[in-house]
Each structure stands twice: as C-alpha cells, then as structure tokens.
PDB file of N, CA and C in Angstrom:
ATOM      1  N   MET A   1     -22.209  -7.009 -47.263  1.00  0.00           N
ATOM      2  CA  MET A   1     -21.668  -6.236 -46.277  1.00  0.00           C
ATOM      3  C   MET A   1     -22.810  -6.532 -44.250  1.00  0.00           C
ATOM      4  N   ASN A   2     -23.328  -7.631 -45.029  1.00  0.00           N
ATOM      5  CA  ASN A   2     -23.652  -7.424 -43.287  1.00  0.00           C
ATOM      6  C   ASN A   2     -23.018  -8.629 -42.723  1.00  0.00           C
ATOM      7  N   GLY A   3     -22.030  -8.141 -42.142  1.00  0.00           N
ATOM      8  CA  GLY A   3     -20.830  -8.943 -41.573  1.00  0.00           C
ATOM      9  C   GLY A   3     -21.557  -9.396 -40.036  1.00  0.00           C
ATOM     10  N   ASN A   4     -21.209 -10.345 -39.258  1.00  0.00           N
ATOM     11  CA  ASN A   4     -21.074 -10.464 -38.227  1.00  0.00           C
ATOM     12  C   ASN A   4     -20.826  -9.331 -37.431  1.00  0.00           C
ATOM     13  N   PRO A   5     -22.019  -8.978 -36.697  1.00  0.00           N
ATOM     14  CA  PRO A   5     -22.159  -7.886 -35.405  1.00  0.00           C
ATOM     15  C   PRO A   5     -21.185  -8.374 -33.889  1.00  0.00           C
ATOM     16  N   MET A   6     -21.374  -8.927 -34.109  1.00  0.00           N
ATOM     17  CA  MET A   6     -20.087  -9.769 -32.483  1.00  0.00           C
ATOM     18  C   MET A   6     -18.881  -9.404 -33.129  1.00  0.00           C
ATOM     19  N   GLY A   7     -18.311  -9.120 -33.933  1.00  0.00           N
ATOM     20  CA  GLY A   7     -17.158  -9.635 -34.287  1.00  0.00           C
ATOM     21  C   GLY A   7     -16.521  -8.055 -33.303  1.00  0.00           C
ATOM     22  N   PRO A   8     -16.686  -6.993 -33.807  1.00  0.00           N
ATOM     23  CA  PRO A   8     -16.218  -5.800 -32.975  1.00  0.00           C
ATOM     24  C   PRO A   8     -16.474  -5.544 -31.378  1.00  0.00           C
ATOM     25  N   ILE A   9     -17.548  -6.123 -31.252  1.00  0.00           N
ATOM     26  CA  ILE A   9     -18.263  -6.207 -29.666  1.00  0.00           C
ATOM     27  C   ILE A   9     -16.742  -7.062 -28.661  1.00  0.00           C
ATOM     28  N   LEU A  10     -17.067  -8.352 -29.375  1.00  0.00           N
ATOM     29  CA  LEU A  10     -15.825  -9.712 -29.183  1.00  0.00           C
ATOM     30  C   LEU A  10     -14.119  -8.566 -28.907  1.00  0.00           C
ATOM     31  N   ALA A  11     -14.273  -7.852 -30.059  1.00  0.00           N
ATOM     32  CA  ALA A  11     -12.907  -7.617 -30.131  1.00  0.00           C
ATOM     33  C   ALA A  11     -12.564  -6.819 -28.897  1.00  0.00           C
ATOM     34  N   GLN A  12     -13.980  -5.539 -28.365  1.00  0.00           N
ATOM     35  CA  GLN A  12     -13.595  -4.801 -27.495  1.00  0.00           C
ATOM     36  C   GLN A  12     -13.536  -5.167 -26.245  1.00  0.00           C
ATOM     37  N   LEU A  13     -14.304  -6.075 -26.268  1.00  0.00           N
ATOM     38  CA  LEU A  13     -14.170  -7.342 -24.822  1.00  0.00           C
ATOM     39  C   LEU A  13     -12.536  -7.590 -24.451  1.00  0.00           C
ATOM     40  N   VAL A  14     -12.364  -8.155 -25.570  1.00  0.00           N
ATOM     41  CA  VAL A  14     -10.854  -8.510 -25.751  1.00  0.00           C
ATOM     42  C   VAL A  14      -9.617  -7.674 -25.166  1.00  0.00           C
ATOM     43  N   PHE A  15     -10.123  -6.592 -25.864  1.00  0.00           N
ATOM     44  CA  PHE A  15      -9.176  -5.384 -25.291  1.00  0.00           C
ATOM     45  C   PHE A  15      -9.242  -4.928 -24.117  1.00  0.00           C
ATOM     46  N   ILE A  16     -10.478  -4.767 -23.445  1.00  0.00           N
ATOM     47  CA  ILE A  16     -11.199  -4.504 -22.474  1.00  0.00           C
ATOM     48  C   ILE A  16     -10.049  -5.694 -21.237  1.00  0.00           C
ATOM     49  N   GLY A  17      -9.973  -6.654 -21.371  1.00  0.00           N
ATOM     50  CA  GLY A  17      -9.990  -7.818 -21.007  1.00  0.00           C
ATOM     51  C   GLY A  17      -8.493  -7.867 -20.674  1.00  0.00           C
ATOM     52  N   ILE A  18      -7.517  -7.301 -21.970  1.00  0.00           N
ATOM     53  CA  ILE A  18      -5.936  -7.216 -21.856  1.00  0.00           C
ATOM     54  C   ILE A  18      -5.606  -5.941 -20.973  1.00  0.00           C
ATOM     55  N   ILE A  19      -6.150  -5.041 -20.891  1.00  0.00           N
ATOM     56  CA  ILE A  19      -6.194  -3.874 -19.984  1.00  0.00           C
ATOM     57  C   ILE A  19      -6.425  -4.278 -18.540  1.00  0.00           C
ATOM     58  N   PHE A  20      -7.868  -5.023 -18.509  1.00  0.00           N
ATOM     59  CA  PHE A  20      -7.644  -5.096 -16.936  1.00  0.00           C
ATOM     60  C   PHE A  20      -6.263  -6.069 -16.064  1.00  0.00           C
ATOM     61  N   VAL A  21      -5.754  -6.909 -17.208  1.00  0.00           N
ATOM     62  CA  VAL A  21      -4.766  -7.672 -16.930  1.00  0.00           C
ATOM     63  C   VAL A  21      -3.856  -6.991 -16.755  1.00  0.00           C
ATOM     64  N   ILE A  22      -3.429  -6.660 -17.168  1.00  0.00           N
ATOM     65  CA  ILE A  22      -2.133  -5.260 -17.313  1.00  0.00           C
ATOM     66  C   ILE A  22      -2.385  -4.771 -16.014  1.00  0.00           C
ATOM     67  N   PHE A  23      -3.145  -3.600 -15.949  1.00  0.00           N
ATOM     68  CA  PHE A  23      -3.900  -2.804 -14.464  1.00  0.00           C
ATOM     69  C   PHE A  23      -3.523  -4.157 -13.398  1.00  0.00           C
ATOM     70  N   TYR A  24      -4.009  -4.871 -13.410  1.00  0.00           N
ATOM     71  CA  TYR A  24      -4.048  -5.697 -12.303  1.00  0.00           C
ATOM     72  C   TYR A  24      -2.715  -6.105 -11.772  1.00  0.00           C
ATOM     73  N   PHE A  25      -1.665  -6.559 -12.878  1.00  0.00           N
ATOM     74  CA  PHE A  25      -0.330  -6.825 -12.298  1.00  0.00           C
ATOM     75  C   PHE A  25       0.680  -5.593 -12.658  1.00  0.00           C
ATOM     76  N   LEU A  26       0.306  -4.490 -12.628  1.00  0.00           N
ATOM     77  CA  LEU A  26       1.377  -3.726 -12.804  1.00  0.00           C
ATOM     78  C   LEU A  26       0.915  -2.703 -11.290  1.00  0.00           C
ATOM     79  N   ILE A  27      -0.500  -2.864 -10.902  1.00  0.00           N
ATOM     80  CA  ILE A  27      -1.027  -1.490  -9.597  1.00  0.00           C
ATOM     81  C   ILE A  27      -1.542  -2.512  -8.506  1.00  0.00           C
ATOM     82  N   ILE A  28      -2.705  -3.285  -8.668  1.00  0.00           N
ATOM     83  CA  ILE A  28      -3.004  -3.967  -7.696  1.00  0.00           C
ATOM     84  C   ILE A  28      -2.349  -4.832  -7.330  1.00  0.00           C
ATOM     85  N   LYS A  29      -1.555  -6.115  -8.010  1.00  0.00           N
ATOM     86  CA  LYS A  29      -0.884  -7.057  -7.374  1.00  0.00           C
ATOM     87  C   LYS A  29       0.275  -6.424  -6.222  1.00  0.00           C
ATOM     88  N   PRO A  30       1.205  -5.590  -6.763  1.00  0.00           N
ATOM     89  CA  PRO A  30       2.185  -5.088  -6.106  1.00  0.00           C
ATOM     90  C   PRO A  30       1.299  -4.383  -4.831  1.00  0.00           C
ATOM     91  N   GLN A  31       0.433  -3.705  -4.921  1.00  0.00           N
ATOM     92  CA  GLN A  31       0.074  -3.005  -3.785  1.00  0.00           C
ATOM     93  C   GLN A  31      -0.566  -4.311  -2.663  1.00  0.00           C
ATOM     94  N   GLN A  32      -1.003  -5.453  -3.049  1.00  0.00           N
ATOM     95  CA  GLN A  32      -1.460  -6.057  -2.271  1.00  0.00           C
ATOM     96  C   GLN A  32      -0.293  -6.646  -1.781  1.00  0.00           C
ATOM     97  N   THR A  33       0.520  -7.290  -2.297  1.00  0.00           N
ATOM     98  CA  THR A  33       2.065  -7.779  -1.732  1.00  0.00           C
ATOM     99  C   THR A  33       2.497  -6.493  -0.877  1.00  0.00           C
ATOM    100  N   GLN A  34       2.452  -5.469  -0.764  1.00  0.00           N
ATOM    101  CA  GLN A  34       3.259  -4.221  -0.033  1.00  0.00           C
ATOM    102  C   GLN A  34       2.386  -4.622   0.984  1.00  0.00           C
ATOM    103  N   ARG A  35       1.103  -4.127   1.093  1.00  0.00           N
ATOM    104  CA  ARG A  35       0.277  -4.197   2.336  1.00  0.00           C
ATOM    105  C   ARG A  35       0.445  -5.376   3.307  1.00  0.00           C
ATOM    106  N   LYS A  36       0.241  -7.085   2.608  1.00  0.00           N
ATOM    107  CA  LYS A  36       0.479  -7.630   3.292  1.00  0.00           C
ATOM    108  C   LYS A  36       2.100  -8.225   3.888  1.00  0.00           C
ATOM    109  N   LYS A  37       2.892  -7.491   3.748  1.00  0.00           N
ATOM    110  CA  LYS A  37       4.837  -7.173   3.964  1.00  0.00           C
ATOM    111  C   LYS A  37       4.149  -6.286   5.448  1.00  0.00           C
ATOM    112  N   HIS A  38       3.811  -5.110   5.062  1.00  0.00           N
ATOM    113  CA  HIS A  38       3.437  -4.266   6.234  1.00  0.00           C
ATOM    114  C   HIS A  38       2.655  -4.740   7.650  1.00  0.00           C
ATOM    115  N   GLN A  39       1.443  -5.712   7.101  1.00  0.00           N
ATOM    116  CA  GLN A  39       1.012  -6.430   8.223  1.00  0.00           C
ATOM    117  C   GLN A  39       1.757  -7.114   9.300  1.00  0.00           C
ATOM    118  N   GLU A  40       2.556  -7.709   8.034  1.00  0.00           N
ATOM    119  CA  GLU A  40       3.557  -9.045   8.966  1.00  0.00           C
ATOM    120  C   GLU A  40       4.246  -7.971   9.507  1.00  0.00           C
ATOM    121  N   PHE A  41       4.515  -6.871   9.055  1.00  0.00           N
ATOM    122  CA  PHE A  41       6.009  -6.371   9.862  1.00  0.00           C
ATOM    123  C   PHE A  41       5.344  -5.617  11.502  1.00  0.00           C
ATOM    124  N   LEU A  42       3.894  -5.288  11.334  1.00  0.00           N
ATOM    125  CA  LEU A  42       3.363  -4.850  12.508  1.00  0.00           C
ATOM    126  C   LEU A  42       3.013  -6.070  13.220  1.00  0.00           C
ATOM    127  N   SER A  43       2.634  -7.067  13.033  1.00  0.00           N
ATOM    128  CA  SER A  43       2.785  -8.423  13.775  1.00  0.00           C
ATOM    129  C   SER A  43       3.601  -8.300  14.490  1.00  0.00           C
ATOM    130  N   ASN A  44       5.081  -8.336  13.563  1.00  0.00           N
ATOM    131  CA  ASN A  44       6.359  -8.525  14.617  1.00  0.00           C
ATOM    132  C   ASN A  44       6.834  -7.939  15.395  1.00  0.00           C
ATOM    133  N   LEU A  45       6.181  -6.245  15.472  1.00  0.00           N
ATOM    134  CA  LEU A  45       6.583  -5.556  16.253  1.00  0.00           C
ATOM    135  C   LEU A  45       6.272  -6.198  18.048  1.00  0.00           C
ATOM    136  N   LYS A  46       7.516  -5.666  18.716  1.00  0.00           N
ATOM    137  CA  LYS A  46       7.387  -5.858  20.367  1.00  0.00           C
ATOM    138  C   LYS A  46       7.924  -4.899  21.101  1.00  0.00           C
ATOM    139  N   LYS A  47       7.639  -5.028  22.297  1.00  0.00           N
ATOM    140  CA  LYS A  47       8.356  -4.215  23.382  1.00  0.00           C
ATOM    141  C   LYS A  47       9.609  -3.786  23.209  1.00  0.00           C
ATOM    142  N   GLY A  48      10.211  -2.191  23.223  1.00  0.00           N
ATOM    143  CA  GLY A  48      11.522  -2.458  22.819  1.00  0.00           C
ATOM    144  C   GLY A  48      12.089  -1.717  21.417  1.00  0.00           C
ATOM    145  N   ASP A  49      11.333  -2.477  20.194  1.00  0.00           N
ATOM    146  CA  ASP A  49      11.883  -1.810  18.995  1.00  0.00           C
ATOM    147  C   ASP A  49      11.776  -0.762  19.013  1.00  0.00           C
ATOM    148  N   LYS A  50      12.516  -0.496  18.191  1.00  0.00           N
ATOM    149  CA  LYS A  50      13.107   1.208  18.315  1.00  0.00           C
ATOM    150  C   LYS A  50      12.437   1.295  16.551  1.00  0.00           C
ATOM    151  N   VAL A  51      11.753   2.129  16.603  1.00  0.00           N
ATOM    152  CA  VAL A  51      10.524   2.544  15.462  1.00  0.00           C
ATOM    153  C   VAL A  51      10.434   4.114  14.601  1.00  0.00           C
ATOM    154  N   ILE A  52      10.366   4.091  13.256  1.00  0.00           N
ATOM    155  CA  ILE A  52       9.775   5.540  12.949  1.00  0.00           C
ATOM    156  C   ILE A  52       8.321   5.325  12.064  1.00  0.00           C
ATOM    157  N   THR A  53       7.609   6.314  13.152  1.00  0.00           N
ATOM    158  CA  THR A  53       6.364   6.486  12.392  1.00  0.00           C
ATOM    159  C   THR A  53       6.352   7.652  11.118  1.00  0.00           C
ATOM    160  N   SER A  54       4.884   7.052  10.342  1.00  0.00           N
ATOM    161  CA  SER A  54       5.177   7.944   9.190  1.00  0.00           C
ATOM    162  C   SER A  54       5.255   9.171   9.309  1.00  0.00           C
ATOM    163  N   SER A  55       4.895  10.228   9.949  1.00  0.00           N
ATOM    164  CA  SER A  55       5.477  11.538  10.150  1.00  0.00           C
ATOM    165  C   SER A  55       6.540  12.211  10.227  1.00  0.00           C
ATOM    166  N   GLY A  56       7.330  10.507  10.765  1.00  0.00           N
ATOM    167  CA  GLY A  56       8.365  10.842  10.830  1.00  0.00           C
ATOM    168  C   GLY A  56       9.047  10.909  12.545  1.00  0.00           C
ATOM    169  N   ILE A  57       8.681  10.363  13.515  1.00  0.00           N
ATOM    170  CA  ILE A  57       8.565  10.457  14.556  1.00  0.00           C
ATOM    171  C   ILE A  57       9.608   8.993  15.381  1.00  0.00           C
ATOM    172  N   TRP A  58      10.888   9.664  16.016  1.00  0.00           N
ATOM    173  CA  TRP A  58      11.770   8.346  16.033  1.00  0.00           C
ATOM    174  C   TRP A  58      11.233   7.955  17.713  1.00  0.00           C
ATOM    175  N   GLY A  59      11.117   6.754  17.957  1.00  0.00           N
ATOM    176  CA  GLY A  59      10.819   6.313  19.280  1.00  0.00           C
ATOM    177  C   GLY A  59      10.831   4.980  19.531  1.00  0.00           C
ATOM    178  N   VAL A  60      11.038   4.403  20.895  1.00  0.00           N
ATOM    179  CA  VAL A  60      10.705   3.103  21.154  1.00  0.00           C
ATOM    180  C   VAL A  60       9.970   2.409  21.943  1.00  0.00           C
ATOM    181  N   ILE A  61       9.221   1.125  21.422  1.00  0.00           N
ATOM    182  CA  ILE A  61       7.950   1.063  21.756  1.00  0.00           C
ATOM    183  C   ILE A  61       7.911   0.553  23.384  1.00  0.00           C
ATOM    184  N   SER A  62       7.016   1.381  23.603  1.00  0.00           N
ATOM    185  CA  SER A  62       6.858   1.553  25.241  1.00  0.00           C
ATOM    186  C   SER A  62       5.699   0.011  25.698  1.00  0.00           C
ATOM    187  N   ASP A  63       4.580  -0.060  24.564  1.00  0.00           N
ATOM    188  CA  ASP A  63       3.374  -0.654  25.015  1.00  0.00           C
ATOM    189  C   ASP A  63       2.798  -0.821  23.740  1.00  0.00           C
ATOM    190  N   ILE A  64       2.451  -2.219  23.584  1.00  0.00           N
ATOM    191  CA  ILE A  64       1.640  -2.716  22.240  1.00  0.00           C
ATOM    192  C   ILE A  64       0.121  -3.166  22.768  1.00  0.00           C
ATOM    193  N   ALA A  65      -1.008  -2.351  22.044  1.00  0.00           N
ATOM    194  CA  ALA A  65      -2.530  -2.861  22.443  1.00  0.00           C
ATOM    195  C   ALA A  65      -3.015  -3.504  20.644  1.00  0.00           C
ATOM    196  N   ASP A  66      -4.155  -3.945  20.976  1.00  0.00           N
ATOM    197  CA  ASP A  66      -4.789  -4.415  19.451  1.00  0.00           C
ATOM    198  C   ASP A  66      -4.389  -3.593  18.269  1.00  0.00           C
ATOM    199  N   ASP A  67      -5.068  -2.180  18.554  1.00  0.00           N
ATOM    200  CA  ASP A  67      -4.767  -1.291  17.389  1.00  0.00           C
ATOM    201  C   ASP A  67      -3.799  -0.021  17.723  1.00  0.00           C
ATOM    202  N   THR A  68      -3.392   0.126  18.766  1.00  0.00           N
ATOM    203  CA  THR A  68      -2.364   0.983  19.048  1.00  0.00           C
ATOM    204  C   THR A  68      -0.816   1.003  19.738  1.00  0.00           C
ATOM    205  N   ILE A  69      -0.065   1.618  19.679  1.00  0.00           N
ATOM    206  CA  ILE A  69       1.202   1.596  20.158  1.00  0.00           C
ATOM    207  C   ILE A  69       1.615   2.666  20.610  1.00  0.00           C
ATOM    208  N   THR A  70       2.392   2.977  21.535  1.00  0.00           N
ATOM    209  CA  THR A  70       2.510   3.754  22.932  1.00  0.00           C
ATOM    210  C   THR A  70       4.308   4.045  22.359  1.00  0.00           C
ATOM    211  N   LEU A  71       4.603   4.815  21.857  1.00  0.00           N
ATOM    212  CA  LEU A  71       6.072   5.236  21.755  1.00  0.00           C
ATOM    213  C   LEU A  71       6.631   6.189  22.736  1.00  0.00           C
ATOM    214  N   LYS A  72       8.109   5.803  23.487  1.00  0.00           N
ATOM    215  CA  LYS A  72       8.943   6.629  24.272  1.00  0.00           C
ATOM    216  C   LYS A  72       9.431   7.288  23.184  1.00  0.00           C
ATOM    217  N   VAL A  73       9.206   8.718  23.269  1.00  0.00           N
ATOM    218  CA  VAL A  73       9.986   9.368  22.263  1.00  0.00           C
ATOM    219  C   VAL A  73      11.131  10.931  22.953  1.00  0.00           C
ATOM    220  N   ASP A  74      11.157  10.240  24.429  1.00  0.00           N
ATOM    221  CA  ASP A  74      11.759  11.371  25.444  1.00  0.00           C
ATOM    222  C   ASP A  74      12.302  10.557  26.895  1.00  0.00           C
ATOM    223  N   ALA A  75      12.812  11.016  27.422  1.00  0.00           N
ATOM    224  CA  ALA A  75      12.743  10.641  28.919  1.00  0.00           C
ATOM    225  C   ALA A  75      11.588  10.337  29.798  1.00  0.00           C
ATOM    226  N   ASN A  76      10.468  11.440  29.154  1.00  0.00           N
ATOM    227  CA  ASN A  76       9.328  11.346  30.279  1.00  0.00           C
ATOM    228  C   ASN A  76       7.963  11.937  29.012  1.00  0.00           C
ATOM    229  N   THR A  77       8.556  11.479  27.716  1.00  0.00           N
ATOM    230  CA  THR A  77       7.372  12.383  26.877  1.00  0.00           C
ATOM    231  C   THR A  77       6.652  10.789  26.529  1.00  0.00           C
ATOM    232  N   LYS A  78       5.399  10.197  26.809  1.00  0.00           N
ATOM    233  CA  LYS A  78       5.370   8.753  25.596  1.00  0.00           C
ATOM    234  C   LYS A  78       3.552   9.494  25.057  1.00  0.00           C
ATOM    235  N   ILE A  79       4.080   8.635  23.738  1.00  0.00           N
ATOM    236  CA  ILE A  79       2.897   9.281  22.244  1.00  0.00           C
ATOM    237  C   ILE A  79       2.430   8.074  21.999  1.00  0.00           C
ATOM    238  N   LYS A  80       1.201   8.058  21.786  1.00  0.00           N
ATOM    239  CA  LYS A  80       0.383   6.989  21.351  1.00  0.00           C
ATOM    240  C   LYS A  80      -0.752   7.418  20.369  1.00  0.00           C
ATOM    241  N   PHE A  81       0.071   5.776  19.001  1.00  0.00           N
ATOM    242  CA  PHE A  81       0.021   6.272  17.293  1.00  0.00           C
ATOM    243  C   PHE A  81      -1.073   4.964  17.244  1.00  0.00           C
ATOM    244  N   THR A  82      -1.752   4.949  16.219  1.00  0.00           N
ATOM    245  CA  THR A  82      -2.342   3.738  15.784  1.00  0.00           C
ATOM    246  C   THR A  82      -1.211   2.998  15.003  1.00  0.00           C
ATOM    247  N   LYS A  83      -1.394   1.690  15.243  1.00  0.00           N
ATOM    248  CA  LYS A  83      -0.263   0.796  14.468  1.00  0.00           C
ATOM    249  C   LYS A  83       0.133   0.961  12.952  1.00  0.00           C
ATOM    250  N   GLU A  84      -0.739   1.583  12.323  1.00  0.00           N
ATOM    251  CA  GLU A  84      -0.672   1.673  10.567  1.00  0.00           C
ATOM    252  C   GLU A  84       0.446   2.618  10.778  1.00  0.00           C
ATOM    253  N   THR A  85       0.325   3.658  11.757  1.00  0.00           N
ATOM    254  CA  THR A  85       1.651   4.620  11.208  1.00  0.00           C
ATOM    255  C   THR A  85       3.059   4.561  11.319  1.00  0.00           C
ATOM    256  N   ILE A  86       3.478   3.203  12.018  1.00  0.00           N
ATOM    257  CA  ILE A  86       4.566   2.773  12.398  1.00  0.00           C
ATOM    258  C   ILE A  86       4.954   1.879  10.608  1.00  0.00           C
ATOM    259  N   ILE A  87       5.993   2.782  10.345  1.00  0.00           N
ATOM    260  CA  ILE A  87       6.163   2.669   8.793  1.00  0.00           C
ATOM    261  C   ILE A  87       7.566   1.695   9.121  1.00  0.00           C
ATOM    262  N   ALA A  88       8.648   1.992   9.538  1.00  0.00           N
ATOM    263  CA  ALA A  88       9.884   0.981   9.465  1.00  0.00           C
ATOM    264  C   ALA A  88      10.435   0.697  10.950  1.00  0.00           C
ATOM    265  N   TYR A  89      11.300   0.356  10.784  1.00  0.00           N
ATOM    266  CA  TYR A  89      12.300   0.125  11.954  1.00  0.00           C
ATOM    267  C   TYR A  89      13.377   1.310  12.141  1.00  0.00           C
ATOM    268  N   GLN A  90      13.813   2.126  13.021  1.00  0.00           N
ATOM    269  CA  GLN A  90      15.181   2.867  12.862  1.00  0.00           C
ATOM    270  C   GLN A  90      16.572   2.050  12.442  1.00  0.00           C
ATOM    271  N   PRO A  91      17.077   2.829  11.355  1.00  0.00           N
ATOM    272  CA  PRO A  91      18.134   2.226  10.823  1.00  0.00           C
ATOM    273  C   PRO A  91      19.471   2.132  12.088  1.00  0.00           C
ATOM    274  N   SER A  92      19.918   1.199  12.445  1.00  0.00           N
ATOM    275  CA  SER A  92      20.960   1.342  12.985  1.00  0.00           C
ATOM    276  C   SER A  92      22.315   1.866  12.718  1.00  0.00           C
ATOM    277  N   LYS A  93      22.928   2.304  13.876  1.00  0.00           N
ATOM    278  CA  LYS A  93      23.997   2.763  13.434  1.00  0.00           C
ATOM    279  C   LYS A  93      25.163   2.664  12.511  1.00  0.00           C
ATOM    280  N   ASP A  94      25.241   1.096  12.164  1.00  0.00           N
ATOM    281  CA  ASP A  94      26.068   0.773  10.938  1.00  0.00           C
ATOM    282  C   ASP A  94      25.560   0.820   9.754  1.00  0.00           C
ATOM    283  N   GLU A  95      24.160   1.094   9.825  1.00  0.00           N
ATOM    284  CA  GLU A  95      23.375   1.031   8.376  1.00  0.00           C
ATOM    285  C   GLU A  95      23.697   2.816   7.855  1.00  0.00           C
ATOM    286  N   SER A  96      23.624   3.458   8.804  1.00  0.00           N
ATOM    287  CA  SER A  96      23.211   4.753   8.622  1.00  0.00           C
ATOM    288  C   SER A  96      24.664   5.316   7.887  1.00  0.00           C
ATOM    289  N   LYS A  97      25.972   4.517   8.700  1.00  0.00           N
ATOM    290  CA  LYS A  97      27.401   4.981   8.685  1.00  0.00           C
ATOM    291  C   LYS A  97      27.325   4.355   6.910  1.00  0.00           C
ATOM    292  N   GLU A  98      27.013   3.017   6.911  1.00  0.00           N
ATOM    293  CA  GLU A  98      27.267   2.333   5.157  1.00  0.00           C
ATOM    294  C   GLU A  98      26.716   3.645   4.037  1.00  0.00           C
ATOM    295  N   LYS A  99      25.698   4.118   4.437  1.00  0.00           N
ATOM    296  CA  LYS A  99      25.001   5.116   3.526  1.00  0.00           C
ATOM    297  C   LYS A  99      25.842   6.091   3.185  1.00  0.00           C
ATOM    298  N   GLU A 100      26.888   6.551   4.226  1.00  0.00           N
ATOM    299  CA  GLU A 100      27.412   7.728   4.214  1.00  0.00           C
ATOM    300  C   GLU A 100      28.253   7.614   3.505  1.00  0.00           C
ATOM    301  N   ASP A 101      29.069   6.269   3.350  1.00  0.00           N
ATOM    302  CA  ASP A 101      30.196   5.951   2.829  1.00  0.00           C
ATOM    303  C   ASP A 101      29.902   5.942   1.516  1.00  0.00           C
ATOM    304  N   GLU A 102      28.582   5.325   0.884  1.00  0.00           N
ATOM    305  CA  GLU A 102      27.832   5.155  -0.237  1.00  0.00           C
ATOM    306  C   GLU A 102      27.866   6.246  -1.053  1.00  0.00           C
ATOM    307  N   LYS A 103      28.111   7.621  -0.156  1.00  0.00           N
ATOM    308  CA  LYS A 103      28.003   8.919  -1.037  1.00  0.00           C
ATOM    309  C   LYS A 103      29.540   9.757  -1.541  1.00  0.00           C
TER     310      LYS A 103
END
C-alpha cells in the first residue's frame, strides 16, 4: 500500500492548473480585450464628438486634456469629467430609429 505519494499531489496541481486556464479564458482575457478597446476609444475622441458618460449625461466634447474632458451639456453649461467616464458615442438618429422599428 505504499504507493507514490506524489501521485495525488500531482493530480491536484493539474486540476488547479486546468481551473486557472478556464478562469483565464472566461474572465481575465475578455476583460483585457474590453479594456484595450475602451482605451483605444478614448484615444480617438476629439473635439465636437457627441458622447455619453457612465452617469448617463449626454454632451458634446468642448475641450480635451490628458486625463479630463469638458462636455458642453447645454448652451451655457460645461462639465469637466475624467476621460474614463466616457463610455460611448451618442447614437445617431438613424440608429435610434432602427431600434424603434425592431420593437
């Protein structure tokens, strides 16, 4: 009954390795891809773009700095945000019309 004591330990290490590989491809890799796309989106922003913030504020970019963006949200109102809070471009009227037609 004195078998190799490394057998069960090796099996556990292989199992943990498989769990880590699955975890990597299901959680870590997609997040890295999404983060890379968002950074590329932020680097392509320019003055005059119509965007939406993570808090749901719609506005037009009036000024861009290294880490901040100033949005014009009304005729006389400008708000300064960090770049990371910008999540998307505003949908065009054609896109919103297509979504209504799908319903």
